[in-house]
Structure formats: C-alpha cells, structure tokens
C-alpha cells in the first residue's frame, strides 16, 4: 500500500544543496540496529548511522554540527494517531474545563471567561465531565445563560460527543429544536449537536484558527511528537480548517500532519475529492456510533445507567460499500467505533467487502478503526483476519476505567472490565497505533505509554516495549509506511531527545516485577514508567532533520 501514500517525511527543502550532517554523541540511542548505541549521525532528513561512542570519532571531522547529549536518551519521535488539532489549540488558548472539579467551579470559570472575552461572537469551551463532579450533572441551560450574561456559548463534554449550549446559541440555529439529539434541558447529541457545532465553529476567524493550530502543533513538538494523524470531517471541523492545517504543516516548522477525512464515498469521483483535500483516507472519525460518556456508543445490551443501547449510524452494508469503494480507489477506509454493536457492524461490513473484492486486497489496504473499546473475542479475531489497525487511546482507560470509573457506571463492573483489551489485540496479531484523541485527553505520549502498560484491568496491559513501539512505529505503519518510526540507517530523521532516569528492560509478560538492566537482553532500554516516577522531559524534537522544538540547529 505504501506506494499509494504521499510521503510526508520530506519538508520543503531549504539551505545548501549538500545535505546537512549532524552527529549526536554521549547519550543513549534507542535503536534495534544496536541496542548499545550511544551515538547517531543524521544526514539531511535521514538517519545515516547508529553505533557506539568509540566509533563516533570517525564522523566528527565531516559533520556540520555535533550535539553533546550529556547522557540524554534519543528515541524515535512519537506519532499521535488520533488528534483534532484546531479543537486542541482552542482548548489550549481558550476555555478549558478539564480541570474543573465541581459544577460550581465550572460555572465560575465560564463566568470569568465570558467577562474576559467581551468581543467574541460565540464563546467556545471544552472539557466538562459531570461524571466526575459531586453534583453529578452538567450545567443547566439557565445556569449557562446566567453565567454568560445571555451570550452564545458552545461547551463540549470531554468526549466531544455532546455539548451544553446557551439559549442564545440555540436561537442562532434554525430548526435545531426539531433535530435528533435535542432535549429541552440536557446535553445535545447527534444531529442537534452537529448543527450547533457547525454554527459555533463558523464564527472562528482564520486568524483564530491559525493561532489555535499553531499552538497545538507547538505543544505536540514540545512533547516529542513528530507526527500526528488529523481526524477531520464535515461533522467535525470543515474543509477550510482541514486544508489550512495541512498547508501550515507543509511549512515544515512543526510535526508532520497526516490527514484523514471522515466522509462516506461511493465512487472514484468521491475518492478523487478526498485526495484533492489532501487526505490519505476516507477514515478517522467516520462515526459508526458515539461515546460511552454521552450514552451514544452503540451497544448490544442496554446501558446499566440508562434504558437504551445508544445509536448506530452505519449498518454493515454501508460499511461494506465504503470499504469496497475505498479499496478500489487505493484509499484507506476507517471508522469511529466504540460500542460492541458498532464494532460488530464494522467487522461484518469489512468482511462483506472482502467477500466482494477479495480478502488480500482488504488486508493490503490497512483499513483502521478508531477507539475500538468494547471488543469481544469474535471482533478481535475479525480485526486480525482483516488486518484492521486498532487506533486506540490508553488514556481513556486511565481516565475512566477501574471499578469506580465512568465505564463501570455506564456498563456495570463486568462489562467495564472487558474494555480496551490491548494484550488480547497484540496476541491476536492486530496492529496497534496509539494516540490521544486530543482534546478529549491531552497530548501526553509517555503518559499514554504508561497507561497502556499499567492498564486498570491488569490482564489488558502490555509491555512498555510494545506500547512504545505502537506509539512510534505503529503510527507510521498505520499509514502504510514500514520504514519509519525507528532509528536505523535510511529511516526518516524524526527523533526526540529526553532527560530521563535509569533505562530498564521489561520482560514481555510482566509489568513491573521483572524490570532489569541486564545487558544480555540485547534490547534497547526505556524509562521506568512505574506510576509515581517522573516521566521523561523533552529537550529537543527533530522532524526530517529540522529542529522543531529545543535549541535550533547551528
């Protein structure tokens, strides 16, 4: 499939014709080419050599710059496989309620934000989670009207699948009160939510959008993230937002952006339009269902705390038609699917497409499923048979898993314990790509790796090495690139430099009991991610040989 995917590993060329050469030495280099490597040479936008310090002197005379690592760790840059960039930037630069501990606190923050943003046409905010508040409910419309002084406000729940809004915003969206998902004084979902979101985001000026996108990319770079998968679509952000982001990324001053556009296609003409937008797939958040937190994920059995099973948006036939059309056109297909019924529908649909056009073609296309939380043994087997990539977010389990978490409240403890079975996916041979779904959970790559290792359901945790690989090389493989996300000669020079503690090697079948520094393992070490330990601090991020965070190249 890789020959059909545009190469995002080459920023616009600048500078002298001769490739610039950089030697990094005196640290630890995480490379399977040499598990004891302490130095690395980068020539232009590619890795040229990895090895031990004693051999580095032979390169010192011919390089343009020498970076003394002083014991720092060099790893491949992370790939965040699921991001909403503009929304992330708006949360960074605007009203973010993720830190609000109570309803009263949230309303105070809304009131202060409204007072400080007197000229905004519509107030935008994100991140409330009533399941974590002692009041146990979101703000009412009357409370929001009072806190904003009657101004339009759009405020998304942390999962971005529902929102609370003021009366003034509803009045700006004709017909919204008749749409599916509208309730008189409850969070909006489904079509009603999409309608108010489009109205709210339509007021974001190009300057505000550019500021938000730049802020999100800068935050990603500061965390050692070298590439992100933007999951956009007509119900999420809009074409102008998507194309502006891809244009910004092509300037080469931050992480790479690989774009997915979530729209069903039925013909070659549809596929060409997807390509013209700059997307590599009609995938990402193409909604088969919603979210567990908003009671909109599609389940086989009713929610424990609600008398319904959520809603499915695509049946198996629609999935099959889309997957077949994408495969014929050389595009990736993909779906947002969280509930067990939604995942059954996706697997059944992809299998039906395979019966129409051939299993080998489906497998070669590396279609993907976002979130994939309520998997069963049958759907895991289906992922493996069909070579579907599971694009997953371990921070979801860290935030909402466990016996007392939101998942248990929504599903009951028994069903909640089945969620996010990463170990079973890997055992079955399912490719994993890790991400954040930012702003749903923050950009936090090492925290994501830790959450995958120290899963709240112990049996679902995976080794640090497997999680790290899924968050680096896994993201590249998910776009059909097998030559990247790894520090070996010839690979793209996308790497990060970290200040960290002792490096350890973890046995693949244990989480913490067998941490070791035994050099006979022949395996590159990783930081000790045991909860309570400090996570690594990023010192430098390099994308295609260009520093996008940290001290500039000389």
Protein backbone atom coordinates (compact mmCIF):
# COMPACT_ATOMS: atom_id res chain seq x y z
CA UNK A 1 0.00 0.00 0.00
CA UNK A 2 2.88 2.36 0.70
CA UNK A 3 3.35 3.34 -2.93
CA UNK A 4 -0.13 4.93 -2.93
CA UNK A 5 0.52 7.08 0.11
CA UNK A 6 2.14 10.51 -0.23
CA UNK A 7 5.49 10.71 1.50
CA UNK A 8 5.05 13.12 4.45
CA UNK A 9 8.65 12.68 5.54
CA UNK A 10 10.14 15.46 3.44
CA UNK A 11 9.66 19.09 4.50
CA UNK A 12 10.21 21.74 1.87
CA UNK A 13 13.95 21.78 1.04
CA UNK A 14 15.86 24.81 2.18
CA UNK A 15 19.50 25.71 2.60
CA UNK A 16 22.58 24.45 0.75
CA UNK A 17 22.43 21.66 -1.81
CA UNK A 18 24.71 19.39 0.24
CA UNK A 19 22.71 17.59 2.95
CA UNK A 20 23.48 18.95 6.41
CA UNK A 21 25.13 16.39 8.70
CA UNK A 22 24.70 16.25 12.48
CA UNK A 23 26.45 13.95 14.97
CA UNK A 24 24.74 13.22 18.29
CA UNK A 25 27.02 11.59 20.84
CA UNK A 26 27.43 10.83 24.51
CA UNK A 27 23.94 9.54 25.26
CA UNK A 28 21.70 6.52 24.82
CA UNK A 29 20.16 5.87 21.39
CA UNK A 30 17.06 3.67 21.30
CA UNK A 31 17.74 1.62 18.19
CA UNK A 32 17.19 -2.03 17.28
CA UNK A 33 20.16 -1.68 14.93
CA UNK A 34 22.42 -1.50 18.01
CA UNK A 35 20.90 -1.89 21.49
CA UNK A 36 24.09 -0.43 22.99
CA UNK A 37 24.23 2.62 20.71
CA UNK A 38 25.40 5.89 22.25
CA UNK A 39 25.77 7.99 19.08
CA UNK A 40 23.90 8.72 15.86
CA UNK A 41 24.62 10.56 12.61
CA UNK A 42 21.89 12.37 10.66
CA UNK A 43 22.48 13.38 7.07
CA UNK A 44 19.84 15.71 5.70
CA UNK A 45 16.44 14.28 6.51
CA UNK A 46 17.59 10.68 7.09
CA UNK A 47 19.40 8.64 9.70
CA UNK A 48 22.86 7.80 8.32
CA UNK A 49 24.48 5.79 11.12
CA UNK A 50 23.81 4.47 14.62
CA UNK A 51 26.52 3.00 16.83
CA UNK A 52 28.71 3.18 19.90
CA UNK A 53 30.66 6.17 21.10
CA UNK A 54 34.04 4.72 20.23
CA UNK A 55 33.22 4.74 16.53
CA UNK A 56 31.77 8.26 16.53
CA UNK A 57 35.20 9.94 16.24
CA UNK A 58 35.48 8.79 12.65
CA UNK A 59 32.50 11.03 11.80
CA UNK A 60 33.44 14.09 13.86
CA UNK A 61 35.57 15.79 11.19
CA UNK A 62 32.98 15.69 8.44
CA UNK A 63 29.85 16.90 10.20
CA UNK A 64 28.27 20.34 10.32
CA UNK A 65 27.25 20.12 13.97
CA UNK A 66 28.00 17.96 17.00
CA UNK A 67 25.31 17.68 19.67
CA UNK A 68 26.66 16.53 23.03
CA UNK A 69 23.88 14.53 24.61
CA UNK A 70 25.34 14.51 28.15
CA UNK A 71 23.66 11.20 28.89
CA UNK A 72 20.28 12.06 27.36
CA UNK A 73 18.12 9.46 25.66
CA UNK A 74 17.39 9.64 21.92
CA UNK A 75 14.27 7.87 20.66
CA UNK A 76 12.12 7.95 17.56
CA UNK A 77 9.68 10.85 17.75
CA UNK A 78 6.20 9.83 18.82
CA UNK A 79 3.25 9.64 16.46
CA UNK A 80 -0.13 10.57 17.91
CA UNK A 81 -2.52 8.57 15.76
CA UNK A 82 -5.71 10.50 16.58
CA UNK A 83 -5.83 14.27 17.04
CA UNK A 84 -8.25 17.13 16.44
CA UNK A 85 -5.72 19.89 16.01
CA UNK A 86 -7.81 23.05 15.93
CA UNK A 87 -10.01 21.90 18.81
CA UNK A 88 -6.83 21.09 20.76
CA UNK A 89 -5.49 24.57 20.10
CA UNK A 90 -8.78 26.20 21.06
CA UNK A 91 -8.69 24.30 24.34
CA UNK A 92 -5.10 25.43 24.90
CA UNK A 93 -5.89 29.07 24.13
CA UNK A 94 -9.49 29.24 25.30
CA UNK A 95 -11.91 27.93 27.92
CA UNK A 96 -10.76 24.52 29.15
CA UNK A 97 -12.90 22.94 31.88
CA UNK A 98 -10.92 19.71 32.15
CA UNK A 99 -9.53 20.92 35.48
CA UNK A 100 -12.89 21.89 36.95
CA UNK A 101 -13.57 19.68 39.96
CA UNK A 102 -17.19 20.66 40.57
CA UNK A 103 -20.17 22.17 38.77
CA UNK A 104 -19.76 25.31 40.87
CA UNK A 105 -16.13 25.58 39.81
CA UNK A 106 -17.08 25.11 36.15
CA UNK A 107 -19.70 27.85 36.29
CA UNK A 108 -17.21 30.23 37.93
CA UNK A 109 -14.70 29.56 35.16
CA UNK A 110 -17.35 30.13 32.50
CA UNK A 111 -18.35 33.42 34.14
CA UNK A 112 -14.74 34.63 34.29
CA UNK A 113 -14.05 33.60 30.69
CA UNK A 114 -17.15 35.37 29.40
CA UNK A 115 -16.12 38.55 31.21
CA UNK A 116 -12.65 38.40 29.67
CA UNK A 117 -13.87 37.75 26.09
CA UNK A 118 -16.35 40.53 25.56
CA UNK A 119 -15.79 40.76 21.80
CA UNK A 120 -16.19 37.06 20.92
CA UNK A 121 -19.28 36.41 18.81
CA UNK A 122 -19.65 32.93 20.32
CA UNK A 123 -17.89 31.65 23.42
CA UNK A 124 -16.19 28.31 22.89
CA UNK A 125 -15.20 25.85 25.60
CA UNK A 126 -14.39 22.21 26.18
CA UNK A 127 -13.70 19.54 28.74
CA UNK A 128 -16.53 19.29 31.27
CA UNK A 129 -17.18 15.85 32.75
CA UNK A 130 -20.18 15.72 35.06
CA UNK A 131 -19.49 12.07 35.90
CA UNK A 132 -16.53 13.30 37.95
CA UNK A 133 -18.40 16.12 39.74
CA UNK A 134 -20.07 15.67 43.15
CA UNK A 135 -23.23 17.31 41.78
CA UNK A 136 -23.41 14.52 39.20
CA UNK A 137 -24.94 16.68 36.46
CA UNK A 138 -23.88 19.15 33.78
CA UNK A 139 -24.81 22.83 33.97
CA UNK A 140 -28.40 23.62 33.05
CA UNK A 141 -29.21 25.99 30.23
CA UNK A 142 -30.49 28.55 32.74
CA UNK A 143 -27.21 28.38 34.67
CA UNK A 144 -25.24 28.85 31.45
CA UNK A 145 -27.43 31.77 30.37
CA UNK A 146 -26.78 33.44 33.71
CA UNK A 147 -23.03 32.75 33.69
CA UNK A 148 -22.60 34.19 30.19
CA UNK A 149 -24.97 37.12 30.54
CA UNK A 150 -27.18 35.64 27.85
CA UNK A 151 -24.44 35.33 25.22
CA UNK A 152 -24.00 32.39 22.82
CA UNK A 153 -21.88 29.59 24.33
CA UNK A 154 -20.89 26.19 22.90
CA UNK A 155 -19.34 23.91 25.53
CA UNK A 156 -18.38 20.33 24.67
CA UNK A 157 -18.26 17.40 27.04
CA UNK A 158 -14.79 15.89 27.44
CA UNK A 159 -15.57 13.20 24.83
CA UNK A 160 -16.80 15.83 22.31
CA UNK A 161 -19.89 13.72 21.55
CA UNK A 162 -22.29 16.02 23.36
CA UNK A 163 -22.42 19.67 24.32
CA UNK A 164 -24.28 22.11 26.51
CA UNK A 165 -25.24 25.43 24.97
CA UNK A 166 -26.97 28.66 25.88
CA UNK A 167 -30.37 29.75 24.66
CA UNK A 168 -28.73 32.48 22.60
CA UNK A 169 -26.81 29.91 20.57
CA UNK A 170 -29.88 27.74 20.00
CA UNK A 171 -31.69 30.79 18.68
CA UNK A 172 -28.98 31.19 16.01
CA UNK A 173 -29.52 27.67 14.61
CA UNK A 174 -32.90 27.44 12.86
CA UNK A 175 -34.68 24.14 13.29
CA UNK A 176 -32.23 22.72 15.84
CA UNK A 177 -35.01 22.02 18.35
CA UNK A 178 -36.57 19.56 15.88
CA UNK A 179 -33.39 17.60 15.18
CA UNK A 180 -32.48 14.17 16.59
CA UNK A 181 -30.49 14.53 19.78
CA UNK A 182 -32.18 17.72 21.01
CA UNK A 183 -33.54 17.69 24.53
CA UNK A 184 -35.05 20.69 26.25
CA UNK A 185 -32.56 20.96 29.09
CA UNK A 186 -29.93 18.28 28.59
CA UNK A 187 -26.71 17.99 26.59
CA UNK A 188 -27.23 17.95 22.84
CA UNK A 189 -26.19 14.84 20.89
CA UNK A 190 -26.36 13.52 17.32
CA UNK A 191 -27.76 15.86 14.61
CA UNK A 192 -28.60 18.65 17.06
CA UNK A 193 -25.04 18.65 18.35
CA UNK A 194 -23.57 18.68 14.84
CA UNK A 195 -25.77 21.64 13.90
CA UNK A 196 -24.74 23.82 16.84
CA UNK A 197 -21.08 22.81 16.42
CA UNK A 198 -21.11 23.95 12.81
CA UNK A 199 -22.70 27.24 13.81
CA UNK A 200 -20.20 27.80 16.61
CA UNK A 201 -17.07 26.95 14.61
CA UNK A 202 -18.26 29.05 11.68
CA UNK A 203 -17.55 32.11 13.85
CA UNK A 204 -13.87 31.20 14.31
CA UNK A 205 -11.88 33.61 12.17
CA UNK A 206 -8.97 32.45 10.01
CA UNK A 207 -6.62 34.27 12.40
CA UNK A 208 -8.10 32.49 15.45
CA UNK A 209 -7.91 29.17 13.64
CA UNK A 210 -4.27 29.70 12.66
CA UNK A 211 -3.41 30.68 16.24
CA UNK A 212 -5.11 27.55 17.58
CA UNK A 213 -3.45 25.23 15.08
CA UNK A 214 -0.01 26.71 15.69
CA UNK A 215 -0.50 26.38 19.46
CA UNK A 216 -1.48 22.72 19.15
CA UNK A 217 1.44 21.85 16.88
CA UNK A 218 3.87 23.69 19.16
CA UNK A 219 2.56 21.76 22.18
CA UNK A 220 2.92 18.48 20.31
CA UNK A 221 6.51 19.30 19.31
CA UNK A 222 7.39 20.21 22.90
CA UNK A 223 6.30 16.72 23.95
CA UNK A 224 8.45 14.84 21.46
CA UNK A 225 5.62 14.23 19.00
CA UNK A 226 6.94 14.28 15.45
CA UNK A 227 3.75 13.47 13.57
CA UNK A 228 0.03 13.50 14.17
CA UNK A 229 -2.93 11.98 12.40
CA UNK A 230 -5.57 14.65 12.00
CA UNK A 231 -9.06 13.13 12.15
CA UNK A 232 -11.26 15.67 10.41
CA UNK A 233 -14.55 15.62 8.58
CA UNK A 234 -17.66 17.57 7.66
CA UNK A 235 -19.27 16.91 11.05
CA UNK A 236 -16.08 17.75 12.96
CA UNK A 237 -14.17 20.74 11.63
CA UNK A 238 -14.80 21.61 7.99
CA UNK A 239 -12.82 21.67 4.75
CA UNK A 240 -11.27 25.12 5.26
CA UNK A 241 -9.98 24.09 8.67
CA UNK A 242 -8.54 20.85 7.30
CA UNK A 243 -6.79 22.33 4.28
CA UNK A 244 -5.42 25.25 6.32
CA UNK A 245 -3.88 22.81 8.78
CA UNK A 246 -2.25 20.74 6.06
CA UNK A 247 -0.86 23.92 4.50
CA UNK A 248 0.55 25.02 7.86
CA UNK A 249 2.16 21.63 8.39
CA UNK A 250 3.79 21.66 4.97
CA UNK A 251 5.80 24.70 6.03
CA UNK A 252 7.93 22.21 7.95
CA UNK A 253 8.19 24.13 11.24
CA UNK A 254 6.44 21.57 13.40
CA UNK A 255 5.21 17.99 13.49
CA UNK A 256 4.08 16.34 10.30
CA UNK A 257 0.32 16.14 9.82
CA UNK A 258 -1.26 13.17 8.06
CA UNK A 259 -4.88 13.93 7.25
CA UNK A 260 -7.97 11.74 7.33
CA UNK A 261 -11.33 12.99 6.11
CA UNK A 262 -14.40 11.23 7.57
CA UNK A 263 -16.86 11.03 4.72
CA UNK A 264 -18.51 8.08 3.01
CA UNK A 265 -17.51 7.53 -0.61
CA UNK A 266 -19.25 5.55 -3.33
CA UNK A 267 -17.28 6.28 -6.50
CA UNK A 268 -13.91 7.15 -7.99
CA UNK A 269 -15.09 10.75 -8.22
CA UNK A 270 -15.73 10.80 -4.46
CA UNK A 271 -12.27 9.35 -3.86
CA UNK A 272 -10.63 11.99 -6.02
CA UNK A 273 -12.30 14.74 -3.99
CA UNK A 274 -10.88 13.19 -0.82
CA UNK A 275 -7.42 13.27 -2.38
CA UNK A 276 -7.87 16.86 -3.54
CA UNK A 277 -8.46 17.84 0.08
CA UNK A 278 -5.07 16.33 0.92
CA UNK A 279 -6.39 13.33 2.87
CA UNK A 280 -4.85 9.87 2.61
CA UNK A 281 -8.05 8.15 3.65
CA UNK A 282 -11.80 8.49 3.98
CA UNK A 283 -11.42 7.48 7.58
CA UNK A 284 -10.84 8.72 11.10
CA UNK A 285 -13.99 9.82 12.91
CA UNK A 286 -16.43 8.40 10.38
CA UNK A 287 -18.99 7.68 13.03
CA UNK A 288 -20.37 4.17 13.39
CA UNK A 289 -21.57 5.30 16.83
CA UNK A 290 -20.85 7.87 19.57
CA UNK A 291 -19.26 7.63 23.02
CA UNK A 292 -19.87 5.85 26.29
CA UNK A 293 -19.73 9.01 28.37
CA UNK A 294 -22.53 10.60 26.35
CA UNK A 295 -24.56 7.35 26.23
CA UNK A 296 -24.29 7.37 22.42
CA UNK A 297 -21.98 4.40 21.83
CA UNK A 298 -23.97 1.57 20.20
CA UNK A 299 -24.32 -1.46 22.50
CA UNK A 300 -25.79 -4.93 22.16
CA UNK A 301 -27.33 -4.69 25.65
CA UNK A 302 -28.65 -1.54 27.36
CA UNK A 303 -26.52 0.79 29.44
CA UNK A 304 -26.58 -0.03 33.14
CA UNK A 305 -27.47 3.56 33.97
CA UNK A 306 -29.81 4.23 31.02
CA UNK A 307 -32.66 2.26 29.49
CA UNK A 308 -31.36 2.15 25.91
CA UNK A 309 -28.49 0.85 23.78
CA UNK A 310 -27.26 4.09 22.23
CA UNK A 311 -27.38 4.62 18.49
CA UNK A 312 -25.68 3.16 15.45
CA UNK A 313 -25.04 5.44 12.49
CA UNK A 314 -23.78 2.94 9.90
CA UNK A 315 -25.03 -0.57 9.23
CA UNK A 316 -22.88 -3.39 7.86
CA UNK A 317 -24.00 -2.72 4.28
CA UNK A 318 -22.94 0.93 4.45
CA UNK A 319 -19.59 -0.12 5.92
CA UNK A 320 -19.09 -2.70 3.18
CA UNK A 321 -19.88 -0.25 0.39
CA UNK A 322 -17.49 2.35 1.78
CA UNK A 323 -14.65 -0.10 2.36
CA UNK A 324 -15.02 -1.61 -1.09
CA UNK A 325 -15.05 1.83 -2.76
CA UNK A 326 -12.01 2.98 -0.79
CA UNK A 327 -10.08 -0.19 -1.55
CA UNK A 328 -10.86 0.05 -5.25
CA UNK A 329 -9.65 3.68 -5.22
CA UNK A 330 -6.47 3.00 -3.26
CA UNK A 331 -7.63 4.92 -0.19
CA UNK A 332 -7.69 3.84 3.43
CA UNK A 333 -11.10 3.42 4.95
CA UNK A 334 -11.77 3.67 8.65
CA UNK A 335 -14.43 4.19 11.25
CA UNK A 336 -15.01 5.52 14.74
CA UNK A 337 -16.49 2.57 16.63
CA UNK A 338 -16.65 2.20 20.42
CA UNK A 339 -19.65 0.07 21.44
CA UNK A 340 -19.77 -3.67 20.92
CA UNK A 341 -22.70 -3.42 18.49
CA UNK A 342 -20.90 -0.77 16.44
CA UNK A 343 -17.74 -2.88 16.31
CA UNK A 344 -19.72 -5.95 15.26
CA UNK A 345 -21.25 -3.91 12.43
CA UNK A 346 -17.86 -2.65 11.27
CA UNK A 347 -16.27 -6.11 11.27
CA UNK A 348 -19.26 -7.62 9.49
CA UNK A 349 -19.17 -4.84 6.92
CA UNK A 350 -15.44 -5.12 6.22
CA UNK A 351 -15.80 -8.90 5.93
CA UNK A 352 -18.62 -8.41 3.42
CA UNK A 353 -16.37 -6.08 1.41
CA UNK A 354 -13.66 -8.76 1.45
CA UNK A 355 -16.12 -11.27 0.06
CA UNK A 356 -16.89 -8.86 -2.80
CA UNK A 357 -13.41 -7.76 -3.85
CA UNK A 358 -11.02 -10.19 -2.19
CA UNK A 359 -9.53 -10.63 1.27
CA UNK A 360 -5.95 -9.98 0.13
CA UNK A 361 -6.90 -6.55 -1.22
CA UNK A 362 -8.67 -5.63 2.01
CA UNK A 363 -5.73 -6.73 4.12
CA UNK A 364 -3.23 -4.85 1.96
CA UNK A 365 -5.18 -1.60 2.34
CA UNK A 366 -4.61 -1.46 6.13
CA UNK A 367 -8.02 -0.04 6.93
CA UNK A 368 -8.37 1.18 10.52
CA UNK A 369 -10.81 1.52 13.39
CA UNK A 370 -10.60 4.38 15.87
CA UNK A 371 -11.08 3.72 19.62
CA UNK A 372 -12.29 0.08 19.35
CA UNK A 373 -13.09 -0.14 23.05
CA UNK A 374 -15.80 -2.80 23.54
CA UNK A 375 -14.15 -5.62 21.66
CA UNK A 376 -15.11 -9.28 22.01
CA UNK A 377 -13.18 -12.41 21.13
CA UNK A 378 -15.12 -12.51 17.86
CA UNK A 379 -14.41 -8.94 16.84
CA UNK A 380 -10.73 -9.23 17.83
CA UNK A 381 -10.50 -12.27 15.57
CA UNK A 382 -12.17 -10.24 12.84
CA UNK A 383 -9.64 -7.42 13.21
CA UNK A 384 -6.83 -9.97 12.86
CA UNK A 385 -8.35 -11.73 9.85
CA UNK A 386 -9.00 -8.46 8.04
CA UNK A 387 -5.71 -6.78 9.07
CA UNK A 388 -7.56 -3.83 10.61
CA UNK A 389 -5.39 -1.42 12.58
CA UNK A 390 -6.74 -0.59 16.05
CA UNK A 391 -6.10 3.12 16.65
CA UNK A 392 -6.55 3.29 20.42
CA UNK A 393 -6.23 5.73 23.30
CA UNK A 394 -4.91 4.21 26.56
CA UNK A 395 -5.57 7.45 28.43
CA UNK A 396 -9.27 6.63 28.14
CA UNK A 397 -8.76 3.68 30.47
CA UNK A 398 -6.60 5.77 32.80
CA UNK A 399 -9.33 8.43 33.00
CA UNK A 400 -12.50 6.33 33.07
CA UNK A 401 -11.55 2.72 33.75
CA UNK A 402 -11.49 0.85 37.05
CA UNK A 403 -14.18 -0.33 39.42
CA UNK A 404 -15.26 3.20 40.35
CA UNK A 405 -14.83 4.84 36.95
CA UNK A 406 -17.25 6.14 34.36
CA UNK A 407 -17.10 2.91 32.35
CA UNK A 408 -18.32 0.91 35.35
CA UNK A 409 -21.12 3.42 35.93
CA UNK A 410 -22.26 3.19 32.32
CA UNK A 411 -21.82 -0.55 31.77
CA UNK A 412 -21.52 -2.25 35.14
CA UNK A 413 -18.28 -3.65 36.50
CA UNK A 414 -18.31 -6.88 34.49
CA UNK A 415 -18.67 -5.28 31.08
CA UNK A 416 -16.35 -2.44 32.03
CA UNK A 417 -13.56 -4.92 32.72
CA UNK A 418 -13.65 -6.08 29.09
CA UNK A 419 -12.82 -2.67 27.62
CA UNK A 420 -9.62 -1.77 25.78
CA UNK A 421 -8.09 -5.29 25.70
CA UNK A 422 -4.67 -4.34 24.34
CA UNK A 423 -2.93 -7.57 25.32
CA UNK A 424 -5.54 -9.66 23.52
CA UNK A 425 -5.24 -7.50 20.41
CA UNK A 426 -1.48 -7.93 20.29
CA UNK A 427 -1.72 -11.64 20.98
CA UNK A 428 -4.08 -11.98 18.01
CA UNK A 429 -1.66 -10.07 15.78
CA UNK A 430 -3.73 -6.90 15.44
CA UNK A 431 -1.61 -3.81 14.65
CA UNK A 432 -1.86 -1.09 17.31
CA UNK A 433 -1.37 2.65 16.85
CA UNK A 434 -1.60 4.77 20.00
CA UNK A 435 -2.99 8.28 20.25
CA UNK A 436 -4.75 10.75 22.49
CA UNK A 437 -7.93 11.89 20.68
CA UNK A 438 -6.83 15.33 21.91
CA UNK A 439 -8.53 17.42 23.22
CA UNK A 440 -10.56 14.50 24.67
CA UNK A 441 -7.44 13.51 26.58
CA UNK A 442 -4.27 15.62 26.50
CA UNK A 443 -1.30 15.22 24.23
CA UNK A 444 0.94 13.15 26.52
CA UNK A 445 2.92 10.40 24.77
CA UNK A 446 4.84 8.98 27.72
CA UNK A 447 1.68 9.13 29.82
CA UNK A 448 -0.06 7.21 27.04
CA UNK A 449 2.63 4.51 27.07
CA UNK A 450 2.36 4.29 30.86
CA UNK A 451 -1.43 3.93 30.66
CA UNK A 452 -1.10 1.06 28.19
CA UNK A 453 1.37 -0.73 30.46
CA UNK A 454 -0.43 -0.11 33.74
CA UNK A 455 -3.94 -0.75 32.47
CA UNK A 456 -6.63 -0.60 35.16
CA UNK A 457 -7.59 -4.15 34.18
CA UNK A 458 -4.29 -5.91 34.67
CA UNK A 459 -4.86 -8.61 32.06
CA UNK A 460 -5.18 -5.98 29.32
CA UNK A 461 -1.83 -4.25 29.98
CA UNK A 462 1.04 -4.67 27.54
CA UNK A 463 4.81 -4.37 27.85
CA UNK A 464 6.49 -1.00 27.77
CA UNK A 465 8.36 -2.02 24.64
CA UNK A 466 5.13 -2.97 22.84
CA UNK A 467 3.38 0.24 23.91
CA UNK A 468 6.34 2.40 22.90
CA UNK A 469 6.50 0.70 19.50
CA UNK A 470 2.77 1.22 19.00
CA UNK A 471 3.17 4.93 19.76
CA UNK A 472 6.14 5.40 17.42
CA UNK A 473 6.45 2.88 14.61
CA UNK A 474 2.81 1.81 14.96
CA UNK A 475 1.55 5.19 13.80
CA UNK A 476 3.71 5.03 10.69
CA UNK A 477 2.62 1.50 9.89
CA UNK A 478 -0.97 2.66 10.21
CA UNK A 479 -0.45 4.93 7.19
CA UNK A 480 1.28 2.20 5.22
CA UNK A 481 4.88 3.17 5.99
CA UNK A 482 7.09 0.38 7.33
CA UNK A 483 10.38 2.26 7.03
CA UNK A 484 9.79 4.97 9.65
CA UNK A 485 9.30 5.46 13.39
CA UNK A 486 12.57 3.68 14.09
CA UNK A 487 16.17 4.85 14.41
CA UNK A 488 18.04 2.83 11.79
CA UNK A 489 20.11 3.92 8.79
CA UNK A 490 17.88 5.11 5.98
CA UNK A 491 14.89 5.92 8.18
CA UNK A 492 13.45 9.45 8.34
CA UNK A 493 15.31 11.63 10.84
CA UNK A 494 12.37 12.11 13.17
CA UNK A 495 13.62 11.83 16.72
CA UNK A 496 13.37 13.30 20.20
CA UNK A 497 15.96 13.84 22.92
CA UNK A 498 14.93 13.25 26.54
CA UNK A 499 16.15 13.88 30.05
CA UNK A 500 15.25 10.75 31.93
CA UNK A 501 16.29 8.43 34.70
CA UNK A 502 17.76 4.95 34.53
CA UNK A 503 16.83 2.91 31.47
CA UNK A 504 15.38 -0.52 32.07
CA UNK A 505 14.36 -3.58 30.09
CA UNK A 506 11.00 -5.13 30.89
CA UNK A 507 10.12 -8.78 30.45
CA UNK A 508 7.27 -9.01 27.93
CA UNK A 509 4.94 -10.89 30.26
CA UNK A 510 5.29 -8.67 33.31
CA UNK A 511 4.50 -5.07 34.15
CA UNK A 512 6.92 -4.20 36.91
CA UNK A 513 8.27 -7.21 38.79
CA UNK A 514 10.99 -8.02 36.25
CA UNK A 515 12.46 -4.67 35.36
CA UNK A 516 16.12 -5.30 34.63
CA UNK A 517 19.25 -3.64 33.31
CA UNK A 518 20.80 -6.94 32.20
CA UNK A 519 22.79 -6.11 29.05
CA UNK A 520 22.43 -9.69 27.83
CA UNK A 521 18.85 -8.89 26.87
CA UNK A 522 20.13 -7.17 23.70
CA UNK A 523 17.06 -4.93 23.85
CA UNK A 524 17.14 -1.12 23.94
CA UNK A 525 16.12 0.21 27.33
CA UNK A 526 13.22 2.50 28.16
CA UNK A 527 12.49 4.78 31.13
CA UNK A 528 10.93 3.28 34.22
CA UNK A 529 7.27 4.22 33.78
CA UNK A 530 6.06 2.89 37.12
CA UNK A 531 3.30 5.20 38.40
CA UNK A 532 4.78 7.78 40.75
CA UNK A 533 8.01 8.09 38.80
CA UNK A 534 8.69 11.24 36.83
CA UNK A 535 8.12 10.92 33.11
CA UNK A 536 10.89 11.92 30.68
CA UNK A 537 11.25 15.60 29.78
CA UNK A 538 11.67 16.51 26.11
CA UNK A 539 14.81 18.52 25.34
CA UNK A 540 14.65 18.53 21.55
CA UNK A 541 12.31 17.32 18.80
CA UNK A 542 13.56 16.92 15.24
CA UNK A 543 11.38 16.26 12.19
CA UNK A 544 13.02 15.42 8.89
CA UNK A 545 16.36 16.63 10.23
CA UNK A 546 14.93 20.02 11.26
CA UNK A 547 14.64 21.04 14.90
CA UNK A 548 11.02 21.92 15.67
CA UNK A 549 11.46 22.16 19.43
CA UNK A 550 14.51 22.92 21.54
CA UNK A 551 17.81 24.59 20.70
CA UNK A 552 17.92 25.44 16.98
CA UNK A 553 20.44 23.80 14.72
CA UNK A 554 23.55 25.91 14.35
